[in-house]
């Protein structure tokens, strides 16, 4: 997705990356059947999302596809663009840390869907994975945060 984003705008920088749970491809161990990444171009004040899917179906095309670009007003406290080089620990590594921390939760909820979000926000000083246990952020009662640069546990959010 990054290569296509850079062909859209040479200054494209990632703003957010998140996994997508599919019915026909089981997500596990930090891997998912589909991902969505949003990139921004500061020089054009535009943003554009891309999806990658392992399958054709469930409203997705197999491979990498771009959405239409749209206006971007700039960074805010919740999300800021980040350097791709800041990702030193991928979703597999984040899962290892998060699942160890969430072991008691996972024991009680063994079939809970898990979604990964990678963002740079004011919550933590560095790029972080948010591992969400539940159908969505809004419906989740538990999340674990892992530093994408160091791979260390940053914290958890309950309720």
N, C-alpha and C. Protein backbone atom coordinates (compact mmCIF):
# COMPACT_ATOMS: atom_id res chain seq x y z
N UNK A 1 0.82 -1.19 0.00
CA UNK A 1 0.00 0.00 0.00
C UNK A 1 0.87 1.26 0.00
N UNK A 2 1.99 1.18 0.71
CA UNK A 2 2.90 2.32 0.80
C UNK A 2 3.45 2.71 -0.57
N UNK A 3 3.81 1.71 -1.37
CA UNK A 3 4.35 1.98 -2.71
C UNK A 3 3.30 2.68 -3.57
N UNK A 4 2.06 2.21 -3.53
CA UNK A 4 1.01 2.86 -4.31
C UNK A 4 0.73 4.27 -3.80
N UNK A 5 0.76 4.44 -2.49
CA UNK A 5 0.52 5.78 -1.93
C UNK A 5 1.60 6.75 -2.39
N UNK A 6 2.84 6.30 -2.43
CA UNK A 6 3.94 7.17 -2.86
C UNK A 6 3.85 7.50 -4.35
N UNK A 7 3.22 6.64 -5.14
CA UNK A 7 3.01 6.98 -6.55
C UNK A 7 1.87 7.99 -6.70
N UNK A 8 0.94 7.99 -5.75
CA UNK A 8 -0.14 8.98 -5.74
C UNK A 8 0.40 10.34 -5.34
N UNK A 9 1.24 10.38 -4.30
CA UNK A 9 1.84 11.62 -3.82
C UNK A 9 3.22 11.29 -3.26
N UNK A 10 4.27 11.85 -3.83
CA UNK A 10 5.62 11.53 -3.37
C UNK A 10 5.88 11.80 -1.88
N UNK A 11 5.11 12.70 -1.30
CA UNK A 11 5.28 12.99 0.13
C UNK A 11 4.27 12.23 1.00
N UNK A 12 3.61 11.22 0.45
CA UNK A 12 2.60 10.47 1.21
C UNK A 12 3.22 9.87 2.47
N UNK A 13 2.52 10.09 3.57
CA UNK A 13 2.95 9.55 4.87
C UNK A 13 1.77 8.83 5.49
N UNK A 14 2.02 7.69 6.14
CA UNK A 14 0.90 6.97 6.78
C UNK A 14 0.30 7.76 7.94
N UNK A 15 -1.01 7.69 8.04
CA UNK A 15 -1.75 8.32 9.13
C UNK A 15 -2.32 7.26 10.07
N UNK A 16 -2.80 6.17 9.48
CA UNK A 16 -3.39 5.09 10.28
C UNK A 16 -3.33 3.80 9.47
N UNK A 17 -3.18 2.71 10.20
CA UNK A 17 -3.26 1.37 9.62
C UNK A 17 -4.13 0.55 10.54
N UNK A 18 -5.09 -0.20 9.99
CA UNK A 18 -5.86 -1.09 10.85
C UNK A 18 -6.25 -2.36 10.11
N UNK A 19 -6.33 -3.43 10.90
CA UNK A 19 -6.72 -4.72 10.35
C UNK A 19 -8.23 -4.76 10.17
N UNK A 20 -8.66 -5.66 9.30
CA UNK A 20 -10.08 -5.84 9.04
C UNK A 20 -10.39 -7.33 9.21
N UNK A 21 -11.34 -7.64 10.06
CA UNK A 21 -11.73 -9.03 10.28
C UNK A 21 -12.72 -9.46 9.20
N UNK A 22 -12.39 -10.55 8.52
CA UNK A 22 -13.24 -11.09 7.47
C UNK A 22 -13.92 -12.37 7.94
N UNK A 23 -15.07 -12.66 7.38
CA UNK A 23 -15.79 -13.88 7.75
C UNK A 23 -15.10 -15.12 7.21
N UNK A 24 -14.50 -15.01 6.03
CA UNK A 24 -13.95 -16.19 5.35
C UNK A 24 -12.45 -16.39 5.58
N UNK A 25 -11.77 -15.41 6.16
CA UNK A 25 -10.34 -15.55 6.46
C UNK A 25 -10.15 -15.22 7.93
N UNK A 26 -9.77 -16.20 8.71
CA UNK A 26 -9.64 -16.02 10.16
C UNK A 26 -8.41 -15.18 10.49
N UNK A 27 -8.61 -14.17 11.32
CA UNK A 27 -7.50 -13.36 11.83
C UNK A 27 -6.94 -14.04 13.06
N UNK A 28 -5.63 -14.17 13.13
CA UNK A 28 -5.01 -14.76 14.32
C UNK A 28 -3.53 -14.43 14.38
N UNK A 29 -3.03 -14.33 15.59
CA UNK A 29 -1.62 -14.12 15.81
C UNK A 29 -1.05 -12.84 15.23
N UNK A 30 -1.88 -11.82 15.08
CA UNK A 30 -1.41 -10.55 14.52
C UNK A 30 -1.56 -10.46 13.02
N UNK A 31 -2.08 -11.49 12.40
CA UNK A 31 -2.31 -11.51 10.95
C UNK A 31 -3.80 -11.34 10.69
N UNK A 32 -4.13 -10.70 9.56
CA UNK A 32 -5.52 -10.48 9.20
C UNK A 32 -5.67 -10.70 7.69
N UNK A 33 -6.89 -11.00 7.28
CA UNK A 33 -7.18 -11.23 5.87
C UNK A 33 -7.25 -9.96 5.06
N UNK A 34 -7.36 -8.82 5.73
CA UNK A 34 -7.42 -7.54 5.04
C UNK A 34 -6.92 -6.43 5.97
N UNK A 35 -6.39 -5.38 5.36
CA UNK A 35 -5.89 -4.21 6.08
C UNK A 35 -6.31 -2.96 5.34
N UNK A 36 -6.50 -1.88 6.07
CA UNK A 36 -6.77 -0.56 5.48
C UNK A 36 -5.74 0.41 6.03
N UNK A 37 -5.13 1.16 5.11
CA UNK A 37 -4.16 2.18 5.50
C UNK A 37 -4.61 3.52 4.92
N UNK A 38 -4.48 4.56 5.71
CA UNK A 38 -4.77 5.91 5.25
C UNK A 38 -3.47 6.68 5.22
N UNK A 39 -3.22 7.34 4.08
CA UNK A 39 -2.02 8.14 3.88
C UNK A 39 -2.43 9.58 3.63
N UNK A 40 -1.55 10.50 3.99
CA UNK A 40 -1.81 11.92 3.77
C UNK A 40 -0.68 12.54 2.98
N UNK A 41 -1.03 13.56 2.23
CA UNK A 41 -0.06 14.36 1.51
C UNK A 41 -0.18 15.79 2.03
N UNK A 42 0.83 16.21 2.76
CA UNK A 42 0.79 17.58 3.29
C UNK A 42 0.85 18.61 2.17
N UNK A 43 1.62 18.34 1.12
CA UNK A 43 1.76 19.31 0.03
C UNK A 43 0.46 19.50 -0.75
N UNK A 44 -0.39 18.48 -0.79
CA UNK A 44 -1.67 18.57 -1.49
C UNK A 44 -2.86 18.77 -0.56
N UNK A 45 -2.64 18.69 0.75
CA UNK A 45 -3.73 18.75 1.75
C UNK A 45 -4.81 17.73 1.42
N UNK A 46 -4.37 16.51 1.07
CA UNK A 46 -5.27 15.44 0.69
C UNK A 46 -4.93 14.18 1.48
N UNK A 47 -5.91 13.29 1.60
CA UNK A 47 -5.66 11.98 2.19
C UNK A 47 -6.34 10.93 1.32
N UNK A 48 -5.79 9.72 1.41
CA UNK A 48 -6.31 8.63 0.58
C UNK A 48 -6.13 7.31 1.32
N UNK A 49 -7.18 6.49 1.29
CA UNK A 49 -7.12 5.18 1.93
C UNK A 49 -6.90 4.10 0.88
N UNK A 50 -6.20 3.08 1.30
CA UNK A 50 -5.92 1.91 0.47
C UNK A 50 -6.30 0.68 1.27
N UNK A 51 -6.77 -0.35 0.57
CA UNK A 51 -7.02 -1.62 1.22
C UNK A 51 -6.17 -2.69 0.55
N UNK A 52 -5.79 -3.65 1.36
CA UNK A 52 -5.18 -4.87 0.86
C UNK A 52 -6.02 -6.02 1.38
N UNK A 53 -6.37 -6.95 0.50
CA UNK A 53 -7.17 -8.09 0.91
C UNK A 53 -6.57 -9.36 0.31
N UNK A 54 -6.61 -10.42 1.09
CA UNK A 54 -6.14 -11.72 0.64
C UNK A 54 -7.16 -12.39 -0.29
N UNK A 55 -8.40 -11.91 -0.26
CA UNK A 55 -9.47 -12.55 -1.04
C UNK A 55 -10.25 -11.53 -1.85
N UNK A 56 -10.97 -12.02 -2.83
CA UNK A 56 -11.94 -11.24 -3.58
C UNK A 56 -13.29 -11.52 -2.92
N UNK A 57 -13.90 -10.54 -2.31
CA UNK A 57 -15.19 -10.75 -1.67
C UNK A 57 -15.34 -9.93 -0.42
N UNK A 58 -16.52 -10.02 0.18
CA UNK A 58 -16.85 -9.27 1.39
C UNK A 58 -16.66 -7.76 1.18
N UNK A 59 -16.97 -7.30 -0.04
CA UNK A 59 -16.86 -5.88 -0.36
C UNK A 59 -15.44 -5.41 -0.66
N UNK A 60 -14.52 -6.35 -0.82
CA UNK A 60 -13.11 -6.01 -1.09
C UNK A 60 -12.62 -6.70 -2.35
N UNK A 61 -11.61 -6.12 -2.96
CA UNK A 61 -10.94 -6.74 -4.09
C UNK A 61 -9.63 -7.34 -3.59
N UNK A 62 -9.24 -8.45 -4.17
CA UNK A 62 -7.98 -9.07 -3.79
C UNK A 62 -6.83 -8.17 -4.25
N UNK A 63 -5.83 -8.02 -3.39
CA UNK A 63 -4.68 -7.17 -3.69
C UNK A 63 -4.86 -5.79 -3.09
N UNK A 64 -4.16 -4.81 -3.66
CA UNK A 64 -4.19 -3.43 -3.16
C UNK A 64 -5.07 -2.57 -4.06
N UNK A 65 -5.99 -1.84 -3.43
CA UNK A 65 -6.86 -0.93 -4.16
C UNK A 65 -6.99 0.38 -3.40
N UNK A 66 -7.08 1.47 -4.17
CA UNK A 66 -7.17 2.81 -3.59
C UNK A 66 -8.60 3.32 -3.63
N UNK A 67 -8.98 4.05 -2.58
CA UNK A 67 -10.23 4.80 -2.57
C UNK A 67 -9.97 6.16 -3.22
N UNK A 68 -11.01 6.94 -3.36
CA UNK A 68 -10.85 8.31 -3.86
C UNK A 68 -10.14 9.14 -2.79
N UNK A 69 -9.32 10.08 -3.22
CA UNK A 69 -8.70 10.94 -2.23
C UNK A 69 -9.70 12.01 -1.80
N UNK A 70 -9.44 12.58 -0.63
CA UNK A 70 -10.32 13.61 -0.09
C UNK A 70 -9.49 14.65 0.65
N UNK A 71 -10.15 15.74 0.97
CA UNK A 71 -9.48 16.85 1.65
C UNK A 71 -8.98 16.40 3.02
N UNK A 72 -7.80 16.90 3.39
CA UNK A 72 -7.23 16.63 4.70
C UNK A 72 -6.89 17.96 5.35
N UNK A 73 -7.41 18.17 6.55
CA UNK A 73 -7.23 19.45 7.23
C UNK A 73 -5.93 19.53 8.03
N UNK A 74 -5.21 18.45 8.12
CA UNK A 74 -3.95 18.45 8.87
C UNK A 74 -4.04 17.60 10.12
N UNK A 75 -2.91 17.42 10.78
CA UNK A 75 -2.87 16.56 11.96
C UNK A 75 -3.69 17.14 13.11
N UNK A 76 -4.10 16.24 14.01
CA UNK A 76 -4.79 16.67 15.22
C UNK A 76 -4.28 15.81 16.38
N UNK A 77 -4.83 16.02 17.56
CA UNK A 77 -4.35 15.32 18.76
C UNK A 77 -4.56 13.81 18.67
N UNK A 78 -5.60 13.39 17.95
CA UNK A 78 -5.90 11.97 17.87
C UNK A 78 -5.06 11.23 16.83
N UNK A 79 -4.66 11.90 15.77
CA UNK A 79 -3.88 11.24 14.72
C UNK A 79 -2.97 12.22 14.01
N UNK A 80 -1.72 11.78 13.87
CA UNK A 80 -0.71 12.56 13.15
C UNK A 80 0.01 11.61 12.19
N UNK A 81 0.46 12.11 11.04
CA UNK A 81 1.23 11.24 10.15
C UNK A 81 2.53 10.80 10.83
N UNK A 82 3.01 9.63 10.41
CA UNK A 82 4.24 9.11 11.00
C UNK A 82 5.17 8.61 9.90
N UNK A 83 6.42 8.41 10.27
CA UNK A 83 7.40 7.88 9.33
C UNK A 83 7.26 6.36 9.28
N UNK A 84 7.30 5.79 8.09
CA UNK A 84 7.19 4.35 7.94
C UNK A 84 8.33 3.64 8.67
N UNK A 85 9.48 4.30 8.77
CA UNK A 85 10.65 3.72 9.45
C UNK A 85 10.42 3.55 10.96
N UNK A 86 9.40 4.21 11.50
CA UNK A 86 9.11 4.09 12.93
C UNK A 86 8.50 2.72 13.28
N UNK A 87 8.06 1.99 12.27
CA UNK A 87 7.46 0.67 12.51
C UNK A 87 8.59 -0.35 12.58
N UNK A 88 9.05 -0.61 13.78
CA UNK A 88 10.11 -1.60 13.98
C UNK A 88 9.55 -2.92 14.49
N UNK A 89 8.32 -2.88 14.99
CA UNK A 89 7.66 -4.08 15.49
C UNK A 89 6.29 -4.15 14.83
N UNK A 90 6.05 -5.22 14.09
CA UNK A 90 4.82 -5.34 13.33
C UNK A 90 3.67 -5.89 14.19
N UNK A 91 2.55 -6.16 13.54
CA UNK A 91 1.36 -6.61 14.27
C UNK A 91 1.57 -7.97 14.92
N UNK A 92 2.41 -8.83 14.33
CA UNK A 92 2.71 -10.13 14.94
C UNK A 92 3.39 -9.93 16.30
N UNK A 93 4.37 -9.02 16.32
CA UNK A 93 5.08 -8.74 17.57
C UNK A 93 4.14 -8.06 18.59
N UNK A 94 3.29 -7.17 18.11
CA UNK A 94 2.33 -6.51 19.00
C UNK A 94 1.38 -7.55 19.60
N UNK A 95 0.99 -8.53 18.81
CA UNK A 95 0.11 -9.59 19.31
C UNK A 95 0.78 -10.38 20.43
N UNK A 96 2.05 -10.68 20.28
CA UNK A 96 2.76 -11.44 21.31
C UNK A 96 2.71 -10.71 22.66
N UNK A 97 2.97 -9.41 22.64
CA UNK A 97 2.95 -8.61 23.87
C UNK A 97 1.52 -8.47 24.39
N UNK A 98 0.60 -8.13 23.50
CA UNK A 98 -0.79 -7.90 23.92
C UNK A 98 -1.45 -9.16 24.45
N UNK A 99 -1.23 -10.29 23.78
CA UNK A 99 -1.88 -11.52 24.23
C UNK A 99 -1.33 -12.00 25.56
N UNK A 100 -0.04 -11.73 25.82
CA UNK A 100 0.52 -12.08 27.13
C UNK A 100 -0.13 -11.24 28.22
N UNK A 101 -0.28 -9.95 27.97
CA UNK A 101 -0.91 -9.05 28.95
C UNK A 101 -2.40 -9.39 29.12
N UNK A 102 -3.04 -9.78 28.01
CA UNK A 102 -4.49 -10.03 28.02
C UNK A 102 -4.85 -11.47 28.32
N UNK A 103 -3.90 -12.28 28.75
CA UNK A 103 -4.16 -13.71 28.98
C UNK A 103 -5.40 -13.96 29.85
N UNK A 104 -5.56 -13.27 30.99
CA UNK A 104 -6.77 -13.51 31.79
C UNK A 104 -8.06 -13.15 31.04
N UNK A 105 -8.02 -12.06 30.27
CA UNK A 105 -9.18 -11.64 29.49
C UNK A 105 -9.49 -12.68 28.41
N UNK A 106 -8.45 -13.13 27.71
CA UNK A 106 -8.64 -14.11 26.64
C UNK A 106 -9.14 -15.46 27.17
N UNK A 107 -8.78 -15.78 28.39
CA UNK A 107 -9.26 -17.03 28.99
C UNK A 107 -10.78 -16.97 29.18
N UNK A 108 -11.28 -15.79 29.56
CA UNK A 108 -12.72 -15.61 29.75
C UNK A 108 -13.46 -15.40 28.43
N UNK A 109 -12.75 -14.87 27.41
CA UNK A 109 -13.36 -14.53 26.11
C UNK A 109 -12.51 -15.13 24.98
N UNK A 110 -12.47 -16.44 24.84
CA UNK A 110 -11.55 -17.06 23.88
C UNK A 110 -11.86 -16.77 22.41
N UNK A 111 -13.09 -16.45 22.08
CA UNK A 111 -13.47 -16.23 20.68
C UNK A 111 -13.68 -14.76 20.33
N UNK A 112 -13.20 -13.86 21.17
CA UNK A 112 -13.38 -12.43 20.92
C UNK A 112 -12.60 -12.02 19.66
N UNK A 113 -13.23 -11.24 18.77
CA UNK A 113 -12.48 -10.74 17.62
C UNK A 113 -11.43 -9.72 18.08
N UNK A 114 -10.32 -9.66 17.35
CA UNK A 114 -9.23 -8.74 17.69
C UNK A 114 -8.93 -7.88 16.48
N UNK A 115 -8.78 -6.58 16.70
CA UNK A 115 -8.46 -5.64 15.63
C UNK A 115 -7.24 -4.83 16.05
N UNK A 116 -6.36 -4.57 15.08
CA UNK A 116 -5.13 -3.81 15.32
C UNK A 116 -5.24 -2.43 14.69
N UNK A 117 -4.84 -1.41 15.43
CA UNK A 117 -4.77 -0.04 14.93
C UNK A 117 -3.36 0.47 15.18
N UNK A 118 -2.77 1.07 14.18
CA UNK A 118 -1.44 1.67 14.31
C UNK A 118 -1.58 3.17 14.07
N UNK A 119 -1.31 3.97 15.12
CA UNK A 119 -1.45 5.42 15.01
C UNK A 119 -0.42 6.14 15.87
N UNK A 120 -0.22 7.38 15.54
CA UNK A 120 0.59 8.28 16.36
C UNK A 120 -0.38 9.32 16.90
N UNK A 121 -0.53 9.36 18.23
CA UNK A 121 -1.47 10.29 18.85
C UNK A 121 -0.84 10.91 20.08
N UNK A 122 -1.59 11.76 20.75
CA UNK A 122 -1.10 12.38 21.98
C UNK A 122 -1.14 11.42 23.17
N UNK A 123 -1.79 10.26 23.02
CA UNK A 123 -1.88 9.30 24.14
C UNK A 123 -0.48 8.83 24.56
N UNK A 124 0.38 8.55 23.57
CA UNK A 124 1.75 8.10 23.82
C UNK A 124 2.70 8.89 22.93
N UNK A 125 3.95 9.09 23.36
CA UNK A 125 4.86 9.92 22.57
C UNK A 125 5.33 9.28 21.27
N UNK A 126 5.27 7.95 21.17
CA UNK A 126 5.73 7.25 19.98
C UNK A 126 4.59 6.52 19.30
N UNK A 127 4.85 6.07 18.10
CA UNK A 127 3.90 5.29 17.33
C UNK A 127 3.49 4.05 18.12
N UNK A 128 2.19 3.76 18.16
CA UNK A 128 1.72 2.64 18.99
C UNK A 128 0.68 1.80 18.27
N UNK A 129 0.74 0.50 18.55
CA UNK A 129 -0.30 -0.43 18.16
C UNK A 129 -1.36 -0.42 19.27
N UNK A 130 -2.61 -0.31 18.89
CA UNK A 130 -3.71 -0.51 19.83
C UNK A 130 -4.36 -1.84 19.43
N UNK A 131 -4.28 -2.80 20.30
CA UNK A 131 -4.87 -4.11 20.06
C UNK A 131 -6.22 -4.12 20.77
N UNK A 132 -7.27 -4.13 19.98
CA UNK A 132 -8.64 -3.99 20.49
C UNK A 132 -9.30 -5.36 20.56
N UNK A 133 -9.78 -5.71 21.73
CA UNK A 133 -10.49 -6.97 21.94
C UNK A 133 -11.98 -6.67 21.92
N UNK A 134 -12.65 -7.03 20.83
CA UNK A 134 -14.08 -6.76 20.67
C UNK A 134 -14.41 -6.46 19.22
N UNK A 135 -15.70 -6.28 18.94
CA UNK A 135 -16.17 -6.05 17.57
C UNK A 135 -15.67 -4.73 16.98
N UNK A 136 -15.50 -3.72 17.84
CA UNK A 136 -15.03 -2.40 17.39
C UNK A 136 -14.46 -1.65 18.58
N UNK A 137 -13.84 -0.52 18.33
CA UNK A 137 -13.31 0.29 19.43
C UNK A 137 -14.44 0.69 20.37
N UNK A 138 -15.56 1.11 19.81
CA UNK A 138 -16.70 1.54 20.62
C UNK A 138 -17.33 0.43 21.43
N UNK A 139 -17.31 -0.79 20.90
CA UNK A 139 -17.94 -1.92 21.58
C UNK A 139 -16.94 -2.70 22.45
N UNK A 140 -15.69 -2.34 22.37
CA UNK A 140 -14.66 -3.08 23.12
C UNK A 140 -14.63 -2.65 24.58
N UNK A 141 -14.37 -3.61 25.44
CA UNK A 141 -14.20 -3.27 26.86
C UNK A 141 -12.76 -3.46 27.31
N UNK A 142 -11.87 -3.74 26.32
CA UNK A 142 -10.47 -3.96 26.68
C UNK A 142 -9.56 -3.74 25.48
N UNK A 143 -8.49 -2.98 25.68
CA UNK A 143 -7.46 -2.74 24.66
C UNK A 143 -6.09 -2.76 25.32
N UNK A 144 -5.10 -3.14 24.55
CA UNK A 144 -3.71 -3.12 25.00
C UNK A 144 -2.92 -2.29 24.00
N UNK A 145 -2.01 -1.46 24.51
CA UNK A 145 -1.18 -0.60 23.67
C UNK A 145 0.27 -1.09 23.71
N UNK A 146 0.87 -1.18 22.51
CA UNK A 146 2.24 -1.66 22.37
C UNK A 146 3.02 -0.66 21.52
N UNK A 147 4.20 -0.27 21.97
CA UNK A 147 5.05 0.66 21.24
C UNK A 147 5.53 0.00 19.96
N UNK A 148 5.29 0.61 18.81
CA UNK A 148 5.68 0.04 17.52
C UNK A 148 7.18 0.17 17.26
N UNK A 149 7.86 1.02 17.99
CA UNK A 149 9.31 1.18 17.82
C UNK A 149 10.10 0.24 18.71
N UNK A 150 9.68 0.11 19.97
CA UNK A 150 10.43 -0.70 20.93
C UNK A 150 9.83 -2.08 21.16
N UNK A 151 8.54 -2.25 20.85
CA UNK A 151 7.86 -3.51 21.11
C UNK A 151 7.45 -3.68 22.55
N UNK A 152 7.58 -2.65 23.36
CA UNK A 152 7.26 -2.75 24.78
C UNK A 152 5.80 -2.40 25.06
N UNK A 153 5.27 -3.01 26.10
CA UNK A 153 3.92 -2.72 26.55
C UNK A 153 3.85 -1.28 27.04
N UNK A 154 2.83 -0.55 26.56
CA UNK A 154 2.64 0.83 26.99
C UNK A 154 1.54 0.95 28.04
N UNK A 155 0.51 0.13 27.91
CA UNK A 155 -0.59 0.21 28.87
C UNK A 155 -1.80 -0.55 28.37
N UNK A 156 -2.85 -0.46 29.14
CA UNK A 156 -4.11 -1.11 28.78
C UNK A 156 -5.24 -0.15 29.08
N UNK A 157 -6.36 -0.40 28.43
CA UNK A 157 -7.54 0.42 28.62
C UNK A 157 -8.71 -0.51 28.85
N UNK A 158 -9.37 -0.37 29.98
CA UNK A 158 -10.51 -1.21 30.33
C UNK A 158 -11.77 -0.36 30.34
N UNK A 159 -12.85 -0.98 29.87
CA UNK A 159 -14.14 -0.33 29.93
C UNK A 159 -14.48 0.56 28.81
